[in-house]
N, C-alpha and C. Protein backbone atom coordinates (compact mmCIF):
# COMPACT_ATOMS: atom_id res chain seq x y z
N MET A 1 6.95 -5.26 -7.37
CA MET A 1 6.35 -4.11 -6.74
C MET A 1 7.29 -3.59 -5.66
N LEU A 2 7.32 -2.29 -5.52
CA LEU A 2 8.15 -1.67 -4.51
C LEU A 2 7.51 -1.78 -3.14
N ASP A 3 8.34 -1.87 -2.11
CA ASP A 3 7.85 -1.92 -0.74
C ASP A 3 8.15 -0.58 -0.08
N TYR A 4 7.12 0.13 0.32
CA TYR A 4 7.28 1.45 0.90
C TYR A 4 7.13 1.44 2.42
N ASP A 5 7.42 0.33 3.07
CA ASP A 5 7.30 0.24 4.53
C ASP A 5 8.59 0.73 5.19
N PHE A 6 8.72 2.05 5.29
CA PHE A 6 9.86 2.66 5.93
C PHE A 6 9.44 3.13 7.32
N ASP A 7 10.41 3.36 8.19
CA ASP A 7 10.10 3.86 9.52
C ASP A 7 9.48 5.25 9.49
N ILE A 8 9.85 6.06 8.50
CA ILE A 8 9.33 7.42 8.46
C ILE A 8 7.97 7.53 7.79
N VAL A 9 7.48 6.46 7.21
CA VAL A 9 6.17 6.47 6.56
C VAL A 9 5.14 6.00 7.58
N VAL A 10 4.07 6.77 7.73
CA VAL A 10 3.06 6.44 8.73
C VAL A 10 2.22 5.25 8.27
N LYS A 11 1.60 4.57 9.23
CA LYS A 11 0.79 3.38 8.93
C LYS A 11 -0.50 3.78 8.23
N HIS A 12 -0.82 3.05 7.18
CA HIS A 12 -2.08 3.20 6.45
C HIS A 12 -2.84 1.88 6.57
N GLU A 13 -4.16 1.98 6.76
CA GLU A 13 -5.00 0.78 6.89
C GLU A 13 -6.27 0.98 6.07
N LEU A 14 -6.59 0.01 5.24
CA LEU A 14 -7.83 0.03 4.48
C LEU A 14 -8.93 -0.52 5.39
N LEU A 15 -9.98 0.28 5.61
CA LEU A 15 -11.04 -0.13 6.53
C LEU A 15 -12.07 -1.00 5.81
N ASP A 16 -12.58 -2.00 6.54
CA ASP A 16 -13.67 -2.79 5.97
C ASP A 16 -14.95 -1.96 6.03
N ASP A 17 -16.00 -2.44 5.38
CA ASP A 17 -17.24 -1.67 5.29
C ASP A 17 -17.84 -1.35 6.65
N LYS A 18 -17.81 -2.31 7.56
CA LYS A 18 -18.39 -2.10 8.89
C LYS A 18 -17.66 -0.99 9.64
N LYS A 19 -16.34 -1.06 9.65
CA LYS A 19 -15.54 -0.05 10.34
C LYS A 19 -15.72 1.32 9.68
N ALA A 20 -15.78 1.35 8.35
CA ALA A 20 -15.97 2.61 7.63
C ALA A 20 -17.30 3.25 8.02
N GLN A 21 -18.36 2.45 8.10
CA GLN A 21 -19.67 2.98 8.49
C GLN A 21 -19.65 3.52 9.91
N GLU A 22 -18.90 2.87 10.80
CA GLU A 22 -18.76 3.36 12.17
C GLU A 22 -18.08 4.72 12.19
N VAL A 23 -17.04 4.88 11.39
CA VAL A 23 -16.31 6.16 11.31
C VAL A 23 -17.22 7.25 10.75
N ILE A 24 -17.94 6.94 9.68
CA ILE A 24 -18.84 7.92 9.06
C ILE A 24 -19.90 8.37 10.06
N LYS A 25 -20.45 7.42 10.80
CA LYS A 25 -21.48 7.74 11.79
C LYS A 25 -20.90 8.56 12.94
N LYS A 26 -19.74 8.14 13.44
CA LYS A 26 -19.10 8.83 14.57
C LYS A 26 -18.75 10.28 14.21
N LEU A 27 -18.21 10.48 13.02
CA LEU A 27 -17.79 11.81 12.61
C LEU A 27 -18.92 12.64 12.00
N GLU A 28 -20.07 11.98 11.77
CA GLU A 28 -21.22 12.65 11.17
C GLU A 28 -20.83 13.40 9.89
N THR A 29 -20.07 12.68 9.06
CA THR A 29 -19.55 13.25 7.81
C THR A 29 -19.88 12.31 6.66
N PRO A 30 -20.56 12.81 5.63
CA PRO A 30 -20.82 11.94 4.48
C PRO A 30 -19.52 11.59 3.75
N LEU A 31 -19.51 10.45 3.12
CA LEU A 31 -18.31 9.94 2.46
C LEU A 31 -17.72 10.93 1.47
N ASP A 32 -18.57 11.66 0.75
CA ASP A 32 -18.06 12.59 -0.26
C ASP A 32 -17.41 13.84 0.33
N LYS A 33 -17.45 14.00 1.65
CA LYS A 33 -16.83 15.16 2.30
C LYS A 33 -15.46 14.83 2.91
N PHE A 34 -15.06 13.56 2.87
CA PHE A 34 -13.74 13.19 3.38
C PHE A 34 -12.67 13.64 2.39
N PRO A 35 -11.47 13.97 2.89
CA PRO A 35 -10.36 14.22 1.97
C PRO A 35 -10.10 12.98 1.13
N ARG A 36 -9.52 13.16 -0.04
CA ARG A 36 -9.34 12.06 -0.99
C ARG A 36 -7.91 11.54 -1.00
N ILE A 37 -7.78 10.29 -1.41
CA ILE A 37 -6.48 9.68 -1.66
C ILE A 37 -6.63 8.83 -2.92
N LEU A 38 -5.68 8.95 -3.82
CA LEU A 38 -5.75 8.19 -5.07
C LEU A 38 -5.53 6.70 -4.82
N LYS A 39 -6.25 5.87 -5.56
CA LYS A 39 -6.08 4.42 -5.40
C LYS A 39 -4.69 3.98 -5.85
N THR A 40 -3.97 4.84 -6.55
CA THR A 40 -2.60 4.53 -6.99
C THR A 40 -1.54 5.08 -6.03
N ASP A 41 -1.95 5.64 -4.90
CA ASP A 41 -0.99 6.15 -3.92
C ASP A 41 -0.07 5.00 -3.49
N PRO A 42 1.24 5.23 -3.48
CA PRO A 42 2.18 4.14 -3.17
C PRO A 42 1.94 3.45 -1.82
N GLN A 43 1.39 4.16 -0.85
CA GLN A 43 1.17 3.54 0.46
C GLN A 43 -0.06 2.64 0.51
N ILE A 44 -0.99 2.78 -0.42
CA ILE A 44 -2.20 1.95 -0.35
C ILE A 44 -2.38 1.02 -1.54
N VAL A 45 -1.56 1.17 -2.57
CA VAL A 45 -1.73 0.34 -3.77
C VAL A 45 -1.64 -1.15 -3.43
N LYS A 46 -0.88 -1.50 -2.41
CA LYS A 46 -0.74 -2.90 -2.01
C LYS A 46 -2.03 -3.50 -1.46
N PHE A 47 -2.98 -2.63 -1.04
CA PHE A 47 -4.28 -3.10 -0.54
C PHE A 47 -5.28 -3.35 -1.66
N ASN A 48 -4.93 -2.95 -2.89
CA ASN A 48 -5.85 -3.03 -4.03
C ASN A 48 -7.19 -2.37 -3.69
N PRO A 49 -7.14 -1.09 -3.30
CA PRO A 49 -8.36 -0.40 -2.85
C PRO A 49 -9.33 -0.12 -3.98
N LYS A 50 -10.59 -0.01 -3.61
CA LYS A 50 -11.65 0.33 -4.56
C LYS A 50 -12.14 1.74 -4.25
N PRO A 51 -12.51 2.51 -5.27
CA PRO A 51 -13.06 3.84 -5.02
C PRO A 51 -14.24 3.77 -4.04
N GLY A 52 -14.25 4.69 -3.10
CA GLY A 52 -15.30 4.74 -2.09
C GLY A 52 -14.92 4.11 -0.76
N GLN A 53 -13.81 3.36 -0.72
CA GLN A 53 -13.37 2.78 0.54
C GLN A 53 -12.64 3.84 1.36
N LEU A 54 -12.63 3.64 2.68
CA LEU A 54 -11.93 4.56 3.57
C LEU A 54 -10.58 4.00 3.99
N VAL A 55 -9.60 4.89 4.09
CA VAL A 55 -8.27 4.55 4.56
C VAL A 55 -8.02 5.31 5.85
N ALA A 56 -7.54 4.62 6.87
CA ALA A 56 -7.13 5.27 8.11
C ALA A 56 -5.62 5.47 8.05
N ILE A 57 -5.18 6.65 8.43
CA ILE A 57 -3.76 7.00 8.44
C ILE A 57 -3.40 7.35 9.87
N TYR A 58 -2.48 6.60 10.45
CA TYR A 58 -2.10 6.77 11.86
C TYR A 58 -0.82 7.58 11.95
N ARG A 59 -0.89 8.71 12.67
CA ARG A 59 0.27 9.59 12.80
C ARG A 59 0.58 9.85 14.26
N ASP A 60 1.86 9.90 14.56
CA ASP A 60 2.34 10.27 15.89
C ASP A 60 3.10 11.57 15.76
N ASP A 61 2.89 12.48 16.70
CA ASP A 61 3.73 13.67 16.77
C ASP A 61 3.94 13.99 18.25
N PRO A 62 4.74 14.99 18.55
CA PRO A 62 5.05 15.27 19.95
C PRO A 62 3.83 15.54 20.83
N THR A 63 2.72 15.95 20.26
CA THR A 63 1.54 16.26 21.06
C THR A 63 0.56 15.10 21.19
N GLY A 64 0.79 14.02 20.48
CA GLY A 64 -0.11 12.88 20.61
C GLY A 64 -0.18 12.01 19.37
N LYS A 65 -1.12 11.07 19.41
CA LYS A 65 -1.35 10.16 18.29
C LYS A 65 -2.68 10.54 17.65
N TYR A 66 -2.71 10.53 16.33
CA TYR A 66 -3.89 10.98 15.60
C TYR A 66 -4.22 10.01 14.47
N VAL A 67 -5.51 9.92 14.16
CA VAL A 67 -5.96 9.11 13.03
C VAL A 67 -6.64 10.05 12.05
N TYR A 68 -6.22 9.99 10.81
CA TYR A 68 -6.81 10.77 9.72
C TYR A 68 -7.48 9.78 8.78
N TYR A 69 -8.52 10.23 8.13
CA TYR A 69 -9.25 9.36 7.20
C TYR A 69 -9.27 9.98 5.81
N ARG A 70 -9.15 9.12 4.81
CA ARG A 70 -9.22 9.54 3.41
C ARG A 70 -10.12 8.57 2.66
N VAL A 71 -10.85 9.08 1.68
CA VAL A 71 -11.67 8.22 0.83
C VAL A 71 -10.90 7.95 -0.45
N VAL A 72 -10.90 6.71 -0.89
CA VAL A 72 -10.18 6.30 -2.10
C VAL A 72 -10.94 6.78 -3.33
N VAL A 73 -10.19 7.36 -4.27
CA VAL A 73 -10.77 7.80 -5.54
C VAL A 73 -9.93 7.26 -6.69
N ASP A 74 -10.57 7.16 -7.86
CA ASP A 74 -9.86 6.79 -9.08
C ASP A 74 -8.94 7.91 -9.50
N VAL A 75 -8.00 7.59 -10.36
CA VAL A 75 -7.14 8.61 -10.94
C VAL A 75 -8.03 9.57 -11.71
N GLU A 76 -7.85 10.84 -11.45
CA GLU A 76 -8.74 11.84 -12.05
C GLU A 76 -8.26 12.31 -13.39
């Protein structure tokens, strides 16, 4: 398997169910309204994600640090 842990690739984290429910509640957004990420995406395939799980994506830019969330989906 290829390792995609480069300095220019942002950190991805697969959230456990408890943390995912906290995010859903905090953002007041149903799971089906989150942006999607394929379970075969090279950055998350190493986590062996299941459809419906949430992924946190941590990004830094000159104005600050941000966390984006994506819901895992099967290949369409």
